[in-house]
């Protein structure tokens, strides 16, 4: 399933719940952020900040996630 979610991410066609499932499956931990934001963290990786009020995943967030996953060697 993780491969399917990675493919959706790379096609810029992923839903917020799917992104959360992907990040959790890759070992990221959800921490509360400031205001209406959530922070996904994993040791050795830059944090990924997600607006918790958005249902859709914006392109800028997908780019950020792809960069972080590339740094970590997942892509």
PDB file of N, CA and C in Angstrom:
ATOM      1  N   UNK A   1       0.829  -1.196   0.000  1.00  0.00           N
ATOM      2  CA  UNK A   1       0.000   0.000   0.000  1.00  0.00           C
ATOM      3  C   UNK A   1       0.871   1.257   0.000  1.00  0.00           C
ATOM      4  N   UNK A   2       2.021   1.217   0.678  1.00  0.00           N
ATOM      5  CA  UNK A   2       2.882   2.393   0.738  1.00  0.00           C
ATOM      6  C   UNK A   2       3.328   2.805  -0.664  1.00  0.00           C
ATOM      7  N   UNK A   3       3.608   1.819  -1.520  1.00  0.00           N
ATOM      8  CA  UNK A   3       4.018   2.134  -2.886  1.00  0.00           C
ATOM      9  C   UNK A   3       2.911   2.883  -3.628  1.00  0.00           C
ATOM     10  N   UNK A   4       1.669   2.444  -3.424  1.00  0.00           N
ATOM     11  CA  UNK A   4       0.527   3.115  -4.066  1.00  0.00           C
ATOM     12  C   UNK A   4       0.426   4.570  -3.605  1.00  0.00           C
ATOM     13  N   UNK A   5       0.625   4.786  -2.315  1.00  0.00           N
ATOM     14  CA  UNK A   5       0.532   6.151  -1.790  1.00  0.00           C
ATOM     15  C   UNK A   5       1.698   7.007  -2.279  1.00  0.00           C
ATOM     16  N   UNK A   6       2.876   6.423  -2.396  1.00  0.00           N
ATOM     17  CA  UNK A   6       4.014   7.174  -2.954  1.00  0.00           C
ATOM     18  C   UNK A   6       3.745   7.578  -4.399  1.00  0.00           C
ATOM     19  N   UNK A   7       3.151   6.668  -5.155  1.00  0.00           N
ATOM     20  CA  UNK A   7       2.813   6.980  -6.550  1.00  0.00           C
ATOM     21  C   UNK A   7       1.782   8.104  -6.623  1.00  0.00           C
ATOM     22  N   UNK A   8       0.783   8.072  -5.753  1.00  0.00           N
ATOM     23  CA  UNK A   8      -0.217   9.147  -5.722  1.00  0.00           C
ATOM     24  C   UNK A   8       0.434  10.474  -5.359  1.00  0.00           C
ATOM     25  N   UNK A   9       1.369  10.441  -4.408  1.00  0.00           N
ATOM     26  CA  UNK A   9       2.089  11.646  -4.009  1.00  0.00           C
ATOM     27  C   UNK A   9       2.855  12.221  -5.196  1.00  0.00           C
ATOM     28  N   UNK A  10       3.566  11.380  -5.911  1.00  0.00           N
ATOM     29  CA  UNK A  10       4.371  11.839  -7.043  1.00  0.00           C
ATOM     30  C   UNK A  10       3.517  12.339  -8.206  1.00  0.00           C
ATOM     31  N   UNK A  11       2.255  11.899  -8.261  1.00  0.00           N
ATOM     32  CA  UNK A  11       1.324  12.387  -9.298  1.00  0.00           C
ATOM     33  C   UNK A  11       0.546  13.611  -8.823  1.00  0.00           C
ATOM     34  N   UNK A  12       0.858  14.087  -7.603  1.00  0.00           N
ATOM     35  CA  UNK A  12       0.161  15.243  -7.016  1.00  0.00           C
ATOM     36  C   UNK A  12      -1.341  14.972  -6.910  1.00  0.00           C
ATOM     37  N   UNK A  13      -1.685  13.740  -6.546  1.00  0.00           N
ATOM     38  CA  UNK A  13      -3.089  13.337  -6.474  1.00  0.00           C
ATOM     39  C   UNK A  13      -3.326  12.535  -5.191  1.00  0.00           C
ATOM     40  N   UNK A  14      -3.006  13.136  -4.055  1.00  0.00           N
ATOM     41  CA  UNK A  14      -3.125  12.427  -2.787  1.00  0.00           C
ATOM     42  C   UNK A  14      -4.035  13.217  -1.851  1.00  0.00           C
ATOM     43  N   UNK A  15      -4.848  12.502  -1.091  1.00  0.00           N
ATOM     44  CA  UNK A  15      -5.753  13.137  -0.132  1.00  0.00           C
ATOM     45  C   UNK A  15      -5.038  13.267   1.213  1.00  0.00           C
ATOM     46  N   UNK A  16      -5.576  14.133   2.063  1.00  0.00           N
ATOM     47  CA  UNK A  16      -4.923  14.397   3.344  1.00  0.00           C
ATOM     48  C   UNK A  16      -4.811  13.133   4.194  1.00  0.00           C
ATOM     49  N   UNK A  17      -5.855  12.359   4.280  1.00  0.00           N
ATOM     50  CA  UNK A  17      -5.827  11.117   5.069  1.00  0.00           C
ATOM     51  C   UNK A  17      -4.790  10.143   4.505  1.00  0.00           C
ATOM     52  N   UNK A  18      -4.675  10.085   3.188  1.00  0.00           N
ATOM     53  CA  UNK A  18      -3.685   9.215   2.566  1.00  0.00           C
ATOM     54  C   UNK A  18      -2.266   9.695   2.879  1.00  0.00           C
ATOM     55  N   UNK A  19      -2.073  11.010   2.867  1.00  0.00           N
ATOM     56  CA  UNK A  19      -0.766  11.573   3.201  1.00  0.00           C
ATOM     57  C   UNK A  19      -0.410  11.242   4.650  1.00  0.00           C
ATOM     58  N   UNK A  20      -1.372  11.369   5.550  1.00  0.00           N
ATOM     59  CA  UNK A  20      -1.136  11.038   6.953  1.00  0.00           C
ATOM     60  C   UNK A  20      -0.786   9.557   7.108  1.00  0.00           C
ATOM     61  N   UNK A  21      -1.476   8.691   6.393  1.00  0.00           N
ATOM     62  CA  UNK A  21      -1.190   7.260   6.435  1.00  0.00           C
ATOM     63  C   UNK A  21       0.212   6.980   5.921  1.00  0.00           C
ATOM     64  N   UNK A  22       0.595   7.653   4.828  1.00  0.00           N
ATOM     65  CA  UNK A  22       1.927   7.476   4.254  1.00  0.00           C
ATOM     66  C   UNK A  22       3.001   7.905   5.245  1.00  0.00           C
ATOM     67  N   UNK A  23       2.855   9.097   5.812  1.00  0.00           N
ATOM     68  CA  UNK A  23       3.865   9.606   6.738  1.00  0.00           C
ATOM     69  C   UNK A  23       3.981   8.715   7.975  1.00  0.00           C
ATOM     70  N   UNK A  24       2.854   8.287   8.519  1.00  0.00           N
ATOM     71  CA  UNK A  24       2.884   7.404   9.687  1.00  0.00           C
ATOM     72  C   UNK A  24       3.550   6.074   9.335  1.00  0.00           C
ATOM     73  N   UNK A  25       3.275   5.573   8.146  1.00  0.00           N
ATOM     74  CA  UNK A  25       3.871   4.312   7.701  1.00  0.00           C
ATOM     75  C   UNK A  25       5.370   4.403   7.489  1.00  0.00           C
ATOM     76  N   UNK A  26       5.848   5.606   7.225  1.00  0.00           N
ATOM     77  CA  UNK A  26       7.286   5.820   7.029  1.00  0.00           C
ATOM     78  C   UNK A  26       7.993   6.164   8.340  1.00  0.00           C
ATOM     79  N   UNK A  27       7.253   6.160   9.439  1.00  0.00           N
ATOM     80  CA  UNK A  27       7.861   6.371  10.737  1.00  0.00           C
ATOM     81  C   UNK A  27       7.816   7.793  11.268  1.00  0.00           C
ATOM     82  N   UNK A  28       7.088   8.674  10.591  1.00  0.00           N
ATOM     83  CA  UNK A  28       6.935  10.040  11.087  1.00  0.00           C
ATOM     84  C   UNK A  28       5.924  10.047  12.228  1.00  0.00           C
ATOM     85  N   UNK A  29       6.132  10.933  13.179  1.00  0.00           N
ATOM     86  CA  UNK A  29       5.257  11.044  14.345  1.00  0.00           C
ATOM     87  C   UNK A  29       4.547  12.392  14.303  1.00  0.00           C
ATOM     88  N   UNK A  30       3.248  12.369  14.548  1.00  0.00           N
ATOM     89  CA  UNK A  30       2.437  13.585  14.537  1.00  0.00           C
ATOM     90  C   UNK A  30       2.560  14.309  15.872  1.00  0.00           C
ATOM     91  N   UNK A  31       2.967  15.567  15.806  1.00  0.00           N
ATOM     92  CA  UNK A  31       3.059  16.429  16.988  1.00  0.00           C
ATOM     93  C   UNK A  31       2.181  17.648  16.746  1.00  0.00           C
ATOM     94  N   UNK A  32       1.525  18.152  17.781  1.00  0.00           N
ATOM     95  CA  UNK A  32       0.727  19.367  17.590  1.00  0.00           C
ATOM     96  C   UNK A  32       1.633  20.540  17.240  1.00  0.00           C
ATOM     97  N   UNK A  33       1.142  21.380  16.353  1.00  0.00           N
ATOM     98  CA  UNK A  33       1.876  22.582  15.981  1.00  0.00           C
ATOM     99  C   UNK A  33       1.177  23.799  16.549  1.00  0.00           C
ATOM    100  N   UNK A  34       1.507  24.939  15.997  1.00  0.00           N
ATOM    101  CA  UNK A  34       0.883  26.177  16.456  1.00  0.00           C
ATOM    102  C   UNK A  34      -0.429  26.411  15.717  1.00  0.00           C
ATOM    103  N   UNK A  35      -1.429  26.815  16.454  1.00  0.00           N
ATOM    104  CA  UNK A  35      -2.719  27.130  15.834  1.00  0.00           C
ATOM    105  C   UNK A  35      -3.323  25.920  15.161  1.00  0.00           C
ATOM    106  N   UNK A  36      -3.675  26.083  13.913  1.00  0.00           N
ATOM    107  CA  UNK A  36      -4.337  25.012  13.171  1.00  0.00           C
ATOM    108  C   UNK A  36      -3.344  24.242  12.296  1.00  0.00           C
ATOM    109  N   UNK A  37      -2.166  24.017  12.819  1.00  0.00           N
ATOM    110  CA  UNK A  37      -1.144  23.289  12.079  1.00  0.00           C
ATOM    111  C   UNK A  37      -0.681  22.068  12.861  1.00  0.00           C
ATOM    112  N   UNK A  38      -0.258  21.056  12.101  1.00  0.00           N
ATOM    113  CA  UNK A  38       0.288  19.832  12.671  1.00  0.00           C
ATOM    114  C   UNK A  38       1.716  19.683  12.163  1.00  0.00           C
ATOM    115  N   UNK A  39       2.552  19.073  12.966  1.00  0.00           N
ATOM    116  CA  UNK A  39       3.940  18.887  12.569  1.00  0.00           C
ATOM    117  C   UNK A  39       4.256  17.394  12.585  1.00  0.00           C
ATOM    118  N   UNK A  40       4.713  16.891  11.456  1.00  0.00           N
ATOM    119  CA  UNK A  40       5.145  15.500  11.353  1.00  0.00           C
ATOM    120  C   UNK A  40       6.662  15.498  11.465  1.00  0.00           C
ATOM    121  N   UNK A  41       7.189  14.723  12.437  1.00  0.00           N
ATOM    122  CA  UNK A  41       8.628  14.729  12.659  1.00  0.00           C
ATOM    123  C   UNK A  41       9.195  13.309  12.639  1.00  0.00           C
ATOM    124  N   UNK A  42      10.461  13.244  12.277  1.00  0.00           N
ATOM    125  CA  UNK A  42      11.220  11.993  12.319  1.00  0.00           C
ATOM    126  C   UNK A  42      12.674  12.390  12.474  1.00  0.00           C
ATOM    127  N   UNK A  43      13.395  11.718  13.345  1.00  0.00           N
ATOM    128  CA  UNK A  43      14.791  12.035  13.595  1.00  0.00           C
ATOM    129  C   UNK A  43      15.590  11.986  12.297  1.00  0.00           C
ATOM    130  N   UNK A  44      16.360  13.038  12.059  1.00  0.00           N
ATOM    131  CA  UNK A  44      17.197  13.105  10.869  1.00  0.00           C
ATOM    132  C   UNK A  44      16.522  13.698   9.644  1.00  0.00           C
ATOM    133  N   UNK A  45      15.266  14.104   9.785  1.00  0.00           N
ATOM    134  CA  UNK A  45      14.508  14.669   8.682  1.00  0.00           C
ATOM    135  C   UNK A  45      14.021  16.064   9.049  1.00  0.00           C
ATOM    136  N   UNK A  46      13.894  16.953   8.064  1.00  0.00           N
ATOM    137  CA  UNK A  46      13.242  18.235   8.350  1.00  0.00           C
ATOM    138  C   UNK A  46      11.771  17.989   8.702  1.00  0.00           C
ATOM    139  N   UNK A  47      11.182  18.806   9.571  1.00  0.00           N
ATOM    140  CA  UNK A  47       9.765  18.613   9.915  1.00  0.00           C
ATOM    141  C   UNK A  47       8.856  18.952   8.725  1.00  0.00           C
ATOM    142  N   UNK A  48       7.724  18.308   8.685  1.00  0.00           N
ATOM    143  CA  UNK A  48       6.707  18.577   7.667  1.00  0.00           C
ATOM    144  C   UNK A  48       5.523  19.205   8.395  1.00  0.00           C
ATOM    145  N   UNK A  49       5.199  20.436   8.038  1.00  0.00           N
ATOM    146  CA  UNK A  49       4.107  21.171   8.687  1.00  0.00           C
ATOM    147  C   UNK A  49       2.887  21.145   7.772  1.00  0.00           C
ATOM    148  N   UNK A  50       1.763  20.695   8.337  1.00  0.00           N
ATOM    149  CA  UNK A  50       0.525  20.542   7.573  1.00  0.00           C
ATOM    150  C   UNK A  50      -0.570  21.381   8.242  1.00  0.00           C
ATOM    151  N   UNK A  51      -1.311  22.142   7.453  1.00  0.00           N
ATOM    152  CA  UNK A  51      -2.454  22.889   7.969  1.00  0.00           C
ATOM    153  C   UNK A  51      -3.571  21.894   8.257  1.00  0.00           C
ATOM    154  N   UNK A  52      -3.983  21.817   9.511  1.00  0.00           N
ATOM    155  CA  UNK A  52      -4.982  20.810   9.885  1.00  0.00           C
ATOM    156  C   UNK A  52      -6.391  21.196   9.440  1.00  0.00           C
ATOM    157  N   UNK A  53      -6.616  22.449   9.076  1.00  0.00           N
ATOM    158  CA  UNK A  53      -7.946  22.865   8.642  1.00  0.00           C
ATOM    159  C   UNK A  53      -8.201  22.589   7.162  1.00  0.00           C
ATOM    160  N   UNK A  54      -7.157  22.285   6.399  1.00  0.00           N
ATOM    161  CA  UNK A  54      -7.318  21.989   4.971  1.00  0.00           C
ATOM    162  C   UNK A  54      -7.650  20.522   4.759  1.00  0.00           C
ATOM    163  N   UNK A  55      -8.645  20.254   3.934  1.00  0.00           N
ATOM    164  CA  UNK A  55      -8.966  18.882   3.578  1.00  0.00           C
ATOM    165  C   UNK A  55      -8.143  18.437   2.376  1.00  0.00           C
ATOM    166  N   UNK A  56      -7.837  19.388   1.508  1.00  0.00           N
ATOM    167  CA  UNK A  56      -7.058  19.090   0.320  1.00  0.00           C
ATOM    168  C   UNK A  56      -5.581  19.325   0.601  1.00  0.00           C
ATOM    169  N   UNK A  57      -4.738  18.575  -0.104  1.00  0.00           N
ATOM    170  CA  UNK A  57      -3.295  18.752   0.030  1.00  0.00           C
ATOM    171  C   UNK A  57      -2.843  19.691  -1.084  1.00  0.00           C
ATOM    172  N   UNK A  58      -2.296  20.806  -0.694  1.00  0.00           N
ATOM    173  CA  UNK A  58      -1.843  21.813  -1.658  1.00  0.00           C
ATOM    174  C   UNK A  58      -0.544  21.370  -2.330  1.00  0.00           C
ATOM    175  N   UNK A  59      -0.310  21.887  -3.542  1.00  0.00           N
ATOM    176  CA  UNK A  59       0.887  21.526  -4.294  1.00  0.00           C
ATOM    177  C   UNK A  59       2.169  21.863  -3.546  1.00  0.00           C
ATOM    178  N   UNK A  60       2.197  23.001  -2.845  1.00  0.00           N
ATOM    179  CA  UNK A  60       3.420  23.376  -2.129  1.00  0.00           C
ATOM    180  C   UNK A  60       3.743  22.365  -1.038  1.00  0.00           C
ATOM    181  N   UNK A  61       2.721  21.787  -0.416  1.00  0.00           N
ATOM    182  CA  UNK A  61       2.945  20.793   0.622  1.00  0.00           C
ATOM    183  C   UNK A  61       3.452  19.487   0.013  1.00  0.00           C
ATOM    184  N   UNK A  62       2.897  19.118  -1.122  1.00  0.00           N
ATOM    185  CA  UNK A  62       3.358  17.905  -1.798  1.00  0.00           C
ATOM    186  C   UNK A  62       4.828  18.060  -2.178  1.00  0.00           C
ATOM    187  N   UNK A  63       5.215  19.241  -2.690  1.00  0.00           N
ATOM    188  CA  UNK A  63       6.621  19.483  -3.029  1.00  0.00           C
ATOM    189  C   UNK A  63       7.503  19.357  -1.798  1.00  0.00           C
ATOM    190  N   UNK A  64       7.048  19.898  -0.662  1.00  0.00           N
ATOM    191  CA  UNK A  64       7.809  19.826   0.576  1.00  0.00           C
ATOM    192  C   UNK A  64       7.986  18.366   1.014  1.00  0.00           C
ATOM    193  N   UNK A  65       6.925  17.595   0.966  1.00  0.00           N
ATOM    194  CA  UNK A  65       6.988  16.191   1.374  1.00  0.00           C
ATOM    195  C   UNK A  65       7.937  15.422   0.458  1.00  0.00           C
ATOM    196  N   UNK A  66       7.854  15.657  -0.841  1.00  0.00           N
ATOM    197  CA  UNK A  66       8.739  14.978  -1.788  1.00  0.00           C
ATOM    198  C   UNK A  66      10.197  15.308  -1.477  1.00  0.00           C
ATOM    199  N   UNK A  67      10.492  16.577  -1.207  1.00  0.00           N
ATOM    200  CA  UNK A  67      11.880  16.976  -0.870  1.00  0.00           C
ATOM    201  C   UNK A  67      12.361  16.269   0.390  1.00  0.00           C
ATOM    202  N   UNK A  68      11.518  16.224   1.407  1.00  0.00           N
ATOM    203  CA  UNK A  68      11.912  15.568   2.668  1.00  0.00           C
ATOM    204  C   UNK A  68      12.140  14.079   2.438  1.00  0.00           C
ATOM    205  N   UNK A  69      11.281  13.435   1.674  1.00  0.00           N
ATOM    206  CA  UNK A  69      11.443  12.011   1.411  1.00  0.00           C
ATOM    207  C   UNK A  69      12.673  11.731   0.561  1.00  0.00           C
ATOM    208  N   UNK A  70      13.029  12.654  -0.323  1.00  0.00           N
ATOM    209  CA  UNK A  70      14.254  12.511  -1.107  1.00  0.00           C
ATOM    210  C   UNK A  70      15.480  12.624  -0.209  1.00  0.00           C
ATOM    211  N   UNK A  71      15.457  13.573   0.733  1.00  0.00           N
ATOM    212  CA  UNK A  71      16.571  13.746   1.668  1.00  0.00           C
ATOM    213  C   UNK A  71      16.777  12.460   2.462  1.00  0.00           C
ATOM    214  N   UNK A  72      15.685  11.843   2.861  1.00  0.00           N
ATOM    215  CA  UNK A  72      15.761  10.626   3.674  1.00  0.00           C
ATOM    216  C   UNK A  72      16.001   9.361   2.890  1.00  0.00           C
ATOM    217  N   UNK A  73      16.025   9.451   1.566  1.00  0.00           N
ATOM    218  CA  UNK A  73      16.283   8.277   0.745  1.00  0.00           C
ATOM    219  C   UNK A  73      15.075   7.397   0.480  1.00  0.00           C
ATOM    220  N   UNK A  74      13.870   7.907   0.794  1.00  0.00           N
ATOM    221  CA  UNK A  74      12.664   7.133   0.496  1.00  0.00           C
ATOM    222  C   UNK A  74      12.293   7.204  -0.980  1.00  0.00           C
ATOM    223  N   UNK A  75      12.774   8.234  -1.673  1.00  0.00           N
ATOM    224  CA  UNK A  75      12.491   8.394  -3.110  1.00  0.00           C
ATOM    225  C   UNK A  75      13.802   8.449  -3.863  1.00  0.00           C
TER     226      UNK A  75
END
